[in-house]
Protein backbone atom coordinates (compact mmCIF):
# COMPACT_ATOMS: atom_id res chain seq x y z
CA MET A 1 -17.46 -18.84 -21.61
CA PRO A 2 -20.74 -17.28 -20.45
CA ASP A 3 -21.24 -13.57 -21.00
CA TRP A 4 -21.69 -12.81 -17.31
CA LEU A 5 -18.36 -14.47 -16.48
CA ARG A 6 -16.56 -12.61 -19.27
CA THR A 7 -18.07 -9.31 -18.06
CA THR A 8 -17.12 -10.06 -14.45
CA LEU A 9 -13.54 -10.89 -15.41
CA LEU A 10 -13.31 -7.73 -17.47
CA ILE A 11 -14.54 -5.58 -14.58
CA VAL A 12 -12.13 -7.26 -12.13
CA GLY A 13 -9.26 -6.79 -14.58
CA VAL A 14 -10.04 -3.09 -15.07
CA LEU A 15 -10.31 -2.56 -11.31
CA ALA A 16 -7.00 -4.35 -10.74
CA LEU A 17 -5.34 -2.20 -13.41
CA LEU A 18 -6.72 0.98 -11.83
CA MET A 19 -5.46 -0.14 -8.42
CA VAL A 20 -1.97 -0.83 -9.80
CA LEU A 21 -1.93 2.57 -11.52
CA ALA A 22 -3.03 4.34 -8.34
CA ILE A 23 -0.37 2.58 -6.27
CA GLY A 24 2.28 3.37 -8.88
CA TYR A 25 1.26 7.03 -8.96
CA VAL A 26 1.38 7.34 -5.17
CA MET A 27 4.82 5.69 -5.06
CA TRP A 28 6.17 7.96 -7.81
CA ARG A 29 4.57 11.19 -6.61
CA TYR A 30 5.41 10.87 -2.93
CA ARG A 31 8.56 8.71 -3.24
CA LEU A 32 6.95 6.06 -1.08
CA PRO A 33 9.29 3.42 0.39
CA PRO A 34 8.72 -0.26 -0.44
CA ARG A 35 7.03 -1.01 2.90
CA GLY A 36 4.23 1.34 1.85
CA LEU A 37 3.84 -0.64 -1.36
CA ILE A 38 3.77 -3.89 0.60
CA ALA A 39 1.09 -2.49 2.93
CA MET A 40 -1.06 -1.30 0.02
CA GLY A 41 -0.62 -4.59 -1.82
CA GLY A 42 -1.52 -6.56 1.29
CA ALA A 43 -4.64 -4.46 1.80
CA ALA A 44 -5.61 -4.95 -1.84
CA LEU A 45 -5.20 -8.71 -1.51
CA TYR A 46 -7.26 -8.72 1.68
CA LEU A 47 -10.02 -6.69 0.02
CA ILE A 48 -10.34 -9.05 -2.96
CA SER A 49 -9.82 -12.20 -0.90
CA PRO A 50 -12.92 -14.30 -0.22
CA ILE A 51 -11.58 -15.06 3.27
CA ASP A 52 -12.54 -12.35 5.78
CA VAL A 53 -12.51 -11.90 9.53
CA VAL A 54 -16.16 -10.79 9.31
CA PRO A 55 -17.59 -12.46 6.18
CA GLU A 56 -20.09 -10.53 4.07
CA ALA A 57 -21.97 -13.71 3.17
CA ILE A 58 -23.03 -14.24 6.78
CA PHE A 59 -23.29 -10.70 8.17
CA GLY A 60 -24.37 -8.84 5.03
CA PRO A 61 -23.38 -5.17 4.94
CA LEU A 62 -21.86 -5.41 8.44
CA GLY A 63 -19.24 -7.70 6.91
CA LEU A 64 -17.67 -4.68 5.22
CA ILE A 65 -16.51 -3.29 8.57
CA ASP A 66 -13.26 -5.29 8.57
CA ASP A 67 -12.54 -4.26 4.97
CA ALA A 68 -13.05 -0.61 5.89
CA GLY A 69 -10.80 -1.04 8.93
CA VAL A 70 -7.97 -2.54 6.89
CA THR A 71 -8.31 0.20 4.29
CA ALA A 72 -8.30 2.95 6.93
CA ALA A 73 -5.27 1.45 8.70
CA VAL A 74 -3.25 1.25 5.47
CA VAL A 75 -4.24 4.76 4.40
CA LEU A 76 -3.14 6.09 7.81
CA PHE A 77 0.14 4.13 7.64
CA VAL A 78 0.96 5.40 4.14
CA TYR A 79 -0.01 8.96 5.11
CA LYS A 80 2.40 8.84 8.06
CA LEU A 81 5.17 7.50 5.80
CA VAL A 82 4.66 10.31 3.31
CA LYS A 83 4.48 12.92 6.07
CA ALA A 84 7.69 11.64 7.70
CA ARG A 85 9.55 11.68 4.38
CA ARG A 86 8.33 15.22 3.69
CA ILE A 87 9.50 16.41 7.12
CA LEU A 88 12.92 14.81 6.58
CA ALA A 89 13.22 16.32 3.10
CA ASP A 90 12.24 19.77 4.40
CA GLY A 91 14.87 19.41 7.13
CA GLY A 92 17.60 18.93 4.55
CA VAL A 93 18.06 15.17 4.88
CA ASP A 94 19.17 13.57 1.60
CA LEU A 95 16.62 10.76 1.31
CA GLY A 96 18.53 9.15 -1.54
CA ARG A 97 21.49 8.50 0.75
CA LEU A 98 19.50 7.70 3.88
CA GLY A 99 20.66 4.45 5.45
CA ARG A 100 23.87 4.17 3.41
CA ARG A 101 27.25 4.30 5.08
CA THR A 102 29.51 7.04 3.81
CA ASP A 103 32.53 6.03 5.91
CA ARG A 104 33.98 2.86 4.37
CA ARG A 105 36.94 2.63 6.81
CA GLY A 106 34.94 0.83 9.45
CA PRO A 107 34.52 1.63 13.15
CA ASP A 108 37.02 3.86 14.93
CA PRO A 109 39.50 1.62 16.84
CA THR A 110 39.94 4.10 19.71
């Protein structure tokens, strides 16, 4: 394997590891729901994908506009998720039990 290819693969691997660590930290620190993880993973896949809406190969530096837009949209989405969870937690809502039924008897027949 050529040295340039080995170096490129090493750099891509280190960047992927750093991205996974950053996503894991954000999920742990802010108790991010799975849809936030899916959004961040989708954005990461879009950023490393060679298929773009505005390709860099044709438009040069202007091709990075769609990548920046996807990144900004996901950052805003995750920020709103974290902010909403913080507001709920400050209001006394038990986020661990959110969405679970506590009444197992079923609907009231009356």
